[in-house]
């Protein structure tokens, strides 16, 4: 499932870093925190790997 926006891709990357132990999960907030809690590493990786070249900054842009 590819990310729909650049901000969604970025939040998934931050949540993925926390899942892998490279970032403290207590530092997460907003979308990255909810992604961290509700998605597994495979789902986060799929979102984080999305190319953002033709994506809007935010959904609805």
PDB file of N, CA and C in Angstrom:
ATOM      1  N   UNK A   1       0.850  -1.168   0.000  1.00  0.00           N
ATOM      2  CA  UNK A   1       0.000   0.000   0.000  1.00  0.00           C
ATOM      3  C   UNK A   1       0.899   1.235   0.000  1.00  0.00           C
ATOM      4  N   UNK A   2       0.951   1.948  -1.083  1.00  0.00           N
ATOM      5  CA  UNK A   2       1.814   3.133  -1.166  1.00  0.00           C
ATOM      6  C   UNK A   2       1.231   4.315  -0.402  1.00  0.00           C
ATOM      7  N   UNK A   3       2.118   5.186   0.049  1.00  0.00           N
ATOM      8  CA  UNK A   3       1.689   6.399   0.751  1.00  0.00           C
ATOM      9  C   UNK A   3       0.948   7.310  -0.215  1.00  0.00           C
ATOM     10  N   UNK A   4      -0.007   8.059   0.307  1.00  0.00           N
ATOM     11  CA  UNK A   4      -0.794   8.966  -0.516  1.00  0.00           C
ATOM     12  C   UNK A   4      -0.208  10.377  -0.541  1.00  0.00           C
ATOM     13  N   UNK A   5       0.730  10.680   0.371  1.00  0.00           N
ATOM     14  CA  UNK A   5       1.325  12.014   0.416  1.00  0.00           C
ATOM     15  C   UNK A   5       2.742  11.940   0.975  1.00  0.00           C
ATOM     16  N   UNK A   6       3.484  13.028   0.793  1.00  0.00           N
ATOM     17  CA  UNK A   6       4.847  13.102   1.315  1.00  0.00           C
ATOM     18  C   UNK A   6       4.849  13.041   2.839  1.00  0.00           C
ATOM     19  N   UNK A   7       3.880  13.694   3.476  1.00  0.00           N
ATOM     20  CA  UNK A   7       3.836  13.697   4.936  1.00  0.00           C
ATOM     21  C   UNK A   7       3.517  12.306   5.484  1.00  0.00           C
ATOM     22  N   UNK A   8       2.676  11.542   4.799  1.00  0.00           N
ATOM     23  CA  UNK A   8       2.370  10.181   5.229  1.00  0.00           C
ATOM     24  C   UNK A   8       3.611   9.298   5.094  1.00  0.00           C
ATOM     25  N   UNK A   9       4.359   9.465   4.022  1.00  0.00           N
ATOM     26  CA  UNK A   9       5.579   8.695   3.806  1.00  0.00           C
ATOM     27  C   UNK A   9       6.608   9.024   4.883  1.00  0.00           C
ATOM     28  N   UNK A  10       6.728  10.290   5.229  1.00  0.00           N
ATOM     29  CA  UNK A  10       7.686  10.719   6.246  1.00  0.00           C
ATOM     30  C   UNK A  10       7.297  10.171   7.623  1.00  0.00           C
ATOM     31  N   UNK A  11       6.030  10.233   7.973  1.00  0.00           N
ATOM     32  CA  UNK A  11       5.563   9.709   9.257  1.00  0.00           C
ATOM     33  C   UNK A  11       5.821   8.208   9.350  1.00  0.00           C
ATOM     34  N   UNK A  12       5.617   7.495   8.253  1.00  0.00           N
ATOM     35  CA  UNK A  12       5.877   6.053   8.239  1.00  0.00           C
ATOM     36  C   UNK A  12       7.361   5.771   8.433  1.00  0.00           C
ATOM     37  N   UNK A  13       8.216   6.586   7.837  1.00  0.00           N
ATOM     38  CA  UNK A  13       9.655   6.413   8.010  1.00  0.00           C
ATOM     39  C   UNK A  13      10.088   6.614   9.449  1.00  0.00           C
ATOM     40  N   UNK A  14       9.516   7.599  10.115  1.00  0.00           N
ATOM     41  CA  UNK A  14       9.836   7.861  11.520  1.00  0.00           C
ATOM     42  C   UNK A  14       9.341   6.714  12.396  1.00  0.00           C
ATOM     43  N   UNK A  15       8.121   6.237  12.141  1.00  0.00           N
ATOM     44  CA  UNK A  15       7.569   5.116  12.900  1.00  0.00           C
ATOM     45  C   UNK A  15       8.391   3.852  12.672  1.00  0.00           C
ATOM     46  N   UNK A  16       8.851   3.641  11.456  1.00  0.00           N
ATOM     47  CA  UNK A  16       9.679   2.482  11.137  1.00  0.00           C
ATOM     48  C   UNK A  16      11.006   2.543  11.888  1.00  0.00           C
ATOM     49  N   UNK A  17      11.604   3.720  11.962  1.00  0.00           N
ATOM     50  CA  UNK A  17      12.855   3.881  12.710  1.00  0.00           C
ATOM     51  C   UNK A  17      12.647   3.523  14.180  1.00  0.00           C
ATOM     52  N   UNK A  18      11.511   3.896  14.737  1.00  0.00           N
ATOM     53  CA  UNK A  18      11.211   3.557  16.128  1.00  0.00           C
ATOM     54  C   UNK A  18      11.009   2.054  16.291  1.00  0.00           C
ATOM     55  N   UNK A  19      10.328   1.420  15.340  1.00  0.00           N
ATOM     56  CA  UNK A  19      10.120  -0.037  15.394  1.00  0.00           C
ATOM     57  C   UNK A  19      11.456  -0.769  15.381  1.00  0.00           C
ATOM     58  N   UNK A  20      12.406  -0.223  14.647  1.00  0.00           N
ATOM     59  CA  UNK A  20      13.722  -0.859  14.524  1.00  0.00           C
ATOM     60  C   UNK A  20      14.663  -0.473  15.657  1.00  0.00           C
ATOM     61  N   UNK A  21      14.209   0.394  16.563  1.00  0.00           N
ATOM     62  CA  UNK A  21      15.016   0.777  17.715  1.00  0.00           C
ATOM     63  C   UNK A  21      15.992   1.904  17.455  1.00  0.00           C
ATOM     64  N   UNK A  22      15.891   2.570  16.323  1.00  0.00           N
ATOM     65  CA  UNK A  22      16.801   3.661  15.990  1.00  0.00           C
ATOM     66  C   UNK A  22      16.304   5.001  16.527  1.00  0.00           C
ATOM     67  N   UNK A  23      15.065   5.032  16.993  1.00  0.00           N
ATOM     68  CA  UNK A  23      14.463   6.238  17.562  1.00  0.00           C
ATOM     69  C   UNK A  23      13.618   5.790  18.744  1.00  0.00           C
ATOM     70  N   UNK A  24      13.579   6.596  19.792  1.00  0.00           N
ATOM     71  CA  UNK A  24      12.798   6.242  20.971  1.00  0.00           C
ATOM     72  C   UNK A  24      11.309   6.403  20.677  1.00  0.00           C
ATOM     73  N   UNK A  25      10.536   5.383  21.011  1.00  0.00           N
ATOM     74  CA  UNK A  25       9.097   5.436  20.729  1.00  0.00           C
ATOM     75  C   UNK A  25       8.400   6.512  21.555  1.00  0.00           C
ATOM     76  N   UNK A  26       8.958   6.900  22.680  1.00  0.00           N
ATOM     77  CA  UNK A  26       8.379   7.954  23.500  1.00  0.00           C
ATOM     78  C   UNK A  26       8.462   9.322  22.859  1.00  0.00           C
ATOM     79  N   UNK A  27       9.326   9.484  21.863  1.00  0.00           N
ATOM     80  CA  UNK A  27       9.486  10.763  21.172  1.00  0.00           C
ATOM     81  C   UNK A  27       8.477  10.941  20.037  1.00  0.00           C
ATOM     82  N   UNK A  28       7.749   9.890  19.694  1.00  0.00           N
ATOM     83  CA  UNK A  28       6.801   9.957  18.584  1.00  0.00           C
ATOM     84  C   UNK A  28       5.549  10.719  18.978  1.00  0.00           C
ATOM     85  N   UNK A  29       4.974  11.427  18.009  1.00  0.00           N
ATOM     86  CA  UNK A  29       3.687  12.079  18.233  1.00  0.00           C
ATOM     87  C   UNK A  29       2.900  12.115  16.935  1.00  0.00           C
ATOM     88  N   UNK A  30       1.622  12.357  17.053  1.00  0.00           N
ATOM     89  CA  UNK A  30       0.766  12.487  15.879  1.00  0.00           C
ATOM     90  C   UNK A  30       0.664  11.212  15.064  1.00  0.00           C
ATOM     91  N   UNK A  31       0.759  11.382  13.750  1.00  0.00           N
ATOM     92  CA  UNK A  31       0.571  10.268  12.819  1.00  0.00           C
ATOM     93  C   UNK A  31       1.624   9.182  13.005  1.00  0.00           C
ATOM     94  N   UNK A  32       2.871   9.578  13.262  1.00  0.00           N
ATOM     95  CA  UNK A  32       3.917   8.563  13.412  1.00  0.00           C
ATOM     96  C   UNK A  32       3.664   7.690  14.636  1.00  0.00           C
ATOM     97  N   UNK A  33       3.126   8.269  15.718  1.00  0.00           N
ATOM     98  CA  UNK A  33       2.816   7.487  16.909  1.00  0.00           C
ATOM     99  C   UNK A  33       1.695   6.488  16.636  1.00  0.00           C
ATOM    100  N   UNK A  34       0.639   6.935  15.980  1.00  0.00           N
ATOM    101  CA  UNK A  34      -0.472   6.016  15.708  1.00  0.00           C
ATOM    102  C   UNK A  34      -0.053   4.927  14.723  1.00  0.00           C
ATOM    103  N   UNK A  35       0.791   5.264  13.750  1.00  0.00           N
ATOM    104  CA  UNK A  35       1.305   4.250  12.828  1.00  0.00           C
ATOM    105  C   UNK A  35       2.165   3.237  13.577  1.00  0.00           C
ATOM    106  N   UNK A  36       3.020   3.717  14.475  1.00  0.00           N
ATOM    107  CA  UNK A  36       3.894   2.852  15.265  1.00  0.00           C
ATOM    108  C   UNK A  36       3.072   1.838  16.059  1.00  0.00           C
ATOM    109  N   UNK A  37       1.972   2.304  16.635  1.00  0.00           N
ATOM    110  CA  UNK A  37       1.154   1.447  17.487  1.00  0.00           C
ATOM    111  C   UNK A  37       0.261   0.487  16.703  1.00  0.00           C
ATOM    112  N   UNK A  38      -0.146   0.861  15.495  1.00  0.00           N
ATOM    113  CA  UNK A  38      -1.149   0.057  14.796  1.00  0.00           C
ATOM    114  C   UNK A  38      -0.634  -0.748  13.602  1.00  0.00           C
ATOM    115  N   UNK A  39       0.602  -0.522  13.176  1.00  0.00           N
ATOM    116  CA  UNK A  39       1.103  -1.199  11.974  1.00  0.00           C
ATOM    117  C   UNK A  39       2.332  -2.036  12.304  1.00  0.00           C
ATOM    118  N   UNK A  40       2.519  -3.110  11.537  1.00  0.00           N
ATOM    119  CA  UNK A  40       3.729  -3.896  11.729  1.00  0.00           C
ATOM    120  C   UNK A  40       4.851  -3.337  10.841  1.00  0.00           C
ATOM    121  N   UNK A  41       6.043  -3.886  11.008  1.00  0.00           N
ATOM    122  CA  UNK A  41       7.213  -3.354  10.304  1.00  0.00           C
ATOM    123  C   UNK A  41       7.069  -3.451   8.784  1.00  0.00           C
ATOM    124  N   UNK A  42       6.469  -4.529   8.298  1.00  0.00           N
ATOM    125  CA  UNK A  42       6.294  -4.694   6.845  1.00  0.00           C
ATOM    126  C   UNK A  42       5.398  -3.596   6.270  1.00  0.00           C
ATOM    127  N   UNK A  43       4.292  -3.313   6.934  1.00  0.00           N
ATOM    128  CA  UNK A  43       3.379  -2.265   6.462  1.00  0.00           C
ATOM    129  C   UNK A  43       4.062  -0.899   6.474  1.00  0.00           C
ATOM    130  N   UNK A  44       4.805  -0.621   7.540  1.00  0.00           N
ATOM    131  CA  UNK A  44       5.510   0.658   7.634  1.00  0.00           C
ATOM    132  C   UNK A  44       6.561   0.781   6.536  1.00  0.00           C
ATOM    133  N   UNK A  45       7.274  -0.313   6.275  1.00  0.00           N
ATOM    134  CA  UNK A  45       8.305  -0.288   5.234  1.00  0.00           C
ATOM    135  C   UNK A  45       7.690   0.009   3.868  1.00  0.00           C
ATOM    136  N   UNK A  46       6.537  -0.599   3.573  1.00  0.00           N
ATOM    137  CA  UNK A  46       5.866  -0.349   2.290  1.00  0.00           C
ATOM    138  C   UNK A  46       5.487   1.124   2.137  1.00  0.00           C
ATOM    139  N   UNK A  47       4.993   1.736   3.200  1.00  0.00           N
ATOM    140  CA  UNK A  47       4.643   3.159   3.144  1.00  0.00           C
ATOM    141  C   UNK A  47       5.894   4.027   3.032  1.00  0.00           C
ATOM    142  N   UNK A  48       6.908   3.693   3.816  1.00  0.00           N
ATOM    143  CA  UNK A  48       8.121   4.510   3.853  1.00  0.00           C
ATOM    144  C   UNK A  48       8.902   4.443   2.543  1.00  0.00           C
ATOM    145  N   UNK A  49       8.785   3.345   1.807  1.00  0.00           N
ATOM    146  CA  UNK A  49       9.525   3.191   0.554  1.00  0.00           C
ATOM    147  C   UNK A  49       8.848   3.870  -0.636  1.00  0.00           C
ATOM    148  N   UNK A  50       7.672   4.426  -0.437  1.00  0.00           N
ATOM    149  CA  UNK A  50       6.930   5.073  -1.518  1.00  0.00           C
ATOM    150  C   UNK A  50       7.721   6.242  -2.097  1.00  0.00           C
ATOM    151  N   UNK A  51       7.801   6.293  -3.415  1.00  0.00           N
ATOM    152  CA  UNK A  51       8.439   7.441  -4.072  1.00  0.00           C
ATOM    153  C   UNK A  51       7.520   8.644  -3.924  1.00  0.00           C
ATOM    154  N   UNK A  52       8.080   9.780  -3.594  1.00  0.00           N
ATOM    155  CA  UNK A  52       7.257  10.962  -3.313  1.00  0.00           C
ATOM    156  C   UNK A  52       7.318  12.013  -4.407  1.00  0.00           C
ATOM    157  N   UNK A  53       7.969  11.718  -5.492  1.00  0.00           N
ATOM    158  CA  UNK A  53       8.174  12.703  -6.548  1.00  0.00           C
ATOM    159  C   UNK A  53       6.870  13.341  -7.033  1.00  0.00           C
ATOM    160  N   UNK A  54       5.849  12.564  -7.267  1.00  0.00           N
ATOM    161  CA  UNK A  54       4.590  13.103  -7.792  1.00  0.00           C
ATOM    162  C   UNK A  54       3.482  13.139  -6.746  1.00  0.00           C
ATOM    163  N   UNK A  55       3.840  13.064  -5.479  1.00  0.00           N
ATOM    164  CA  UNK A  55       2.851  13.059  -4.405  1.00  0.00           C
ATOM    165  C   UNK A  55       2.657  14.474  -3.858  1.00  0.00           C
ATOM    166  N   UNK A  56       1.440  14.785  -3.389  1.00  0.00           N
ATOM    167  CA  UNK A  56       1.219  16.086  -2.750  1.00  0.00           C
ATOM    168  C   UNK A  56       1.883  16.112  -1.374  1.00  0.00           C
ATOM    169  N   UNK A  57       2.123  17.305  -0.838  1.00  0.00           N
ATOM    170  CA  UNK A  57       2.710  17.408   0.497  1.00  0.00           C
ATOM    171  C   UNK A  57       1.778  16.811   1.549  1.00  0.00           C
ATOM    172  N   UNK A  58       0.492  17.078   1.403  1.00  0.00           N
ATOM    173  CA  UNK A  58      -0.527  16.564   2.312  1.00  0.00           C
ATOM    174  C   UNK A  58      -1.695  16.060   1.479  1.00  0.00           C
ATOM    175  N   UNK A  59      -2.428  15.098   2.011  1.00  0.00           N
ATOM    176  CA  UNK A  59      -3.608  14.600   1.308  1.00  0.00           C
ATOM    177  C   UNK A  59      -4.615  15.734   1.205  1.00  0.00           C
ATOM    178  N   UNK A  60      -5.182  15.913   0.044  1.00  0.00           N
ATOM    179  CA  UNK A  60      -6.140  16.983  -0.189  1.00  0.00           C
ATOM    180  C   UNK A  60      -5.529  18.170  -0.906  1.00  0.00           C
ATOM    181  N   UNK A  61      -4.194  18.189  -1.060  1.00  0.00           N
ATOM    182  CA  UNK A  61      -3.520  19.282  -1.788  1.00  0.00           C
ATOM    183  C   UNK A  61      -3.657  19.091  -3.279  1.00  0.00           C
TER     184      UNK A  61
END
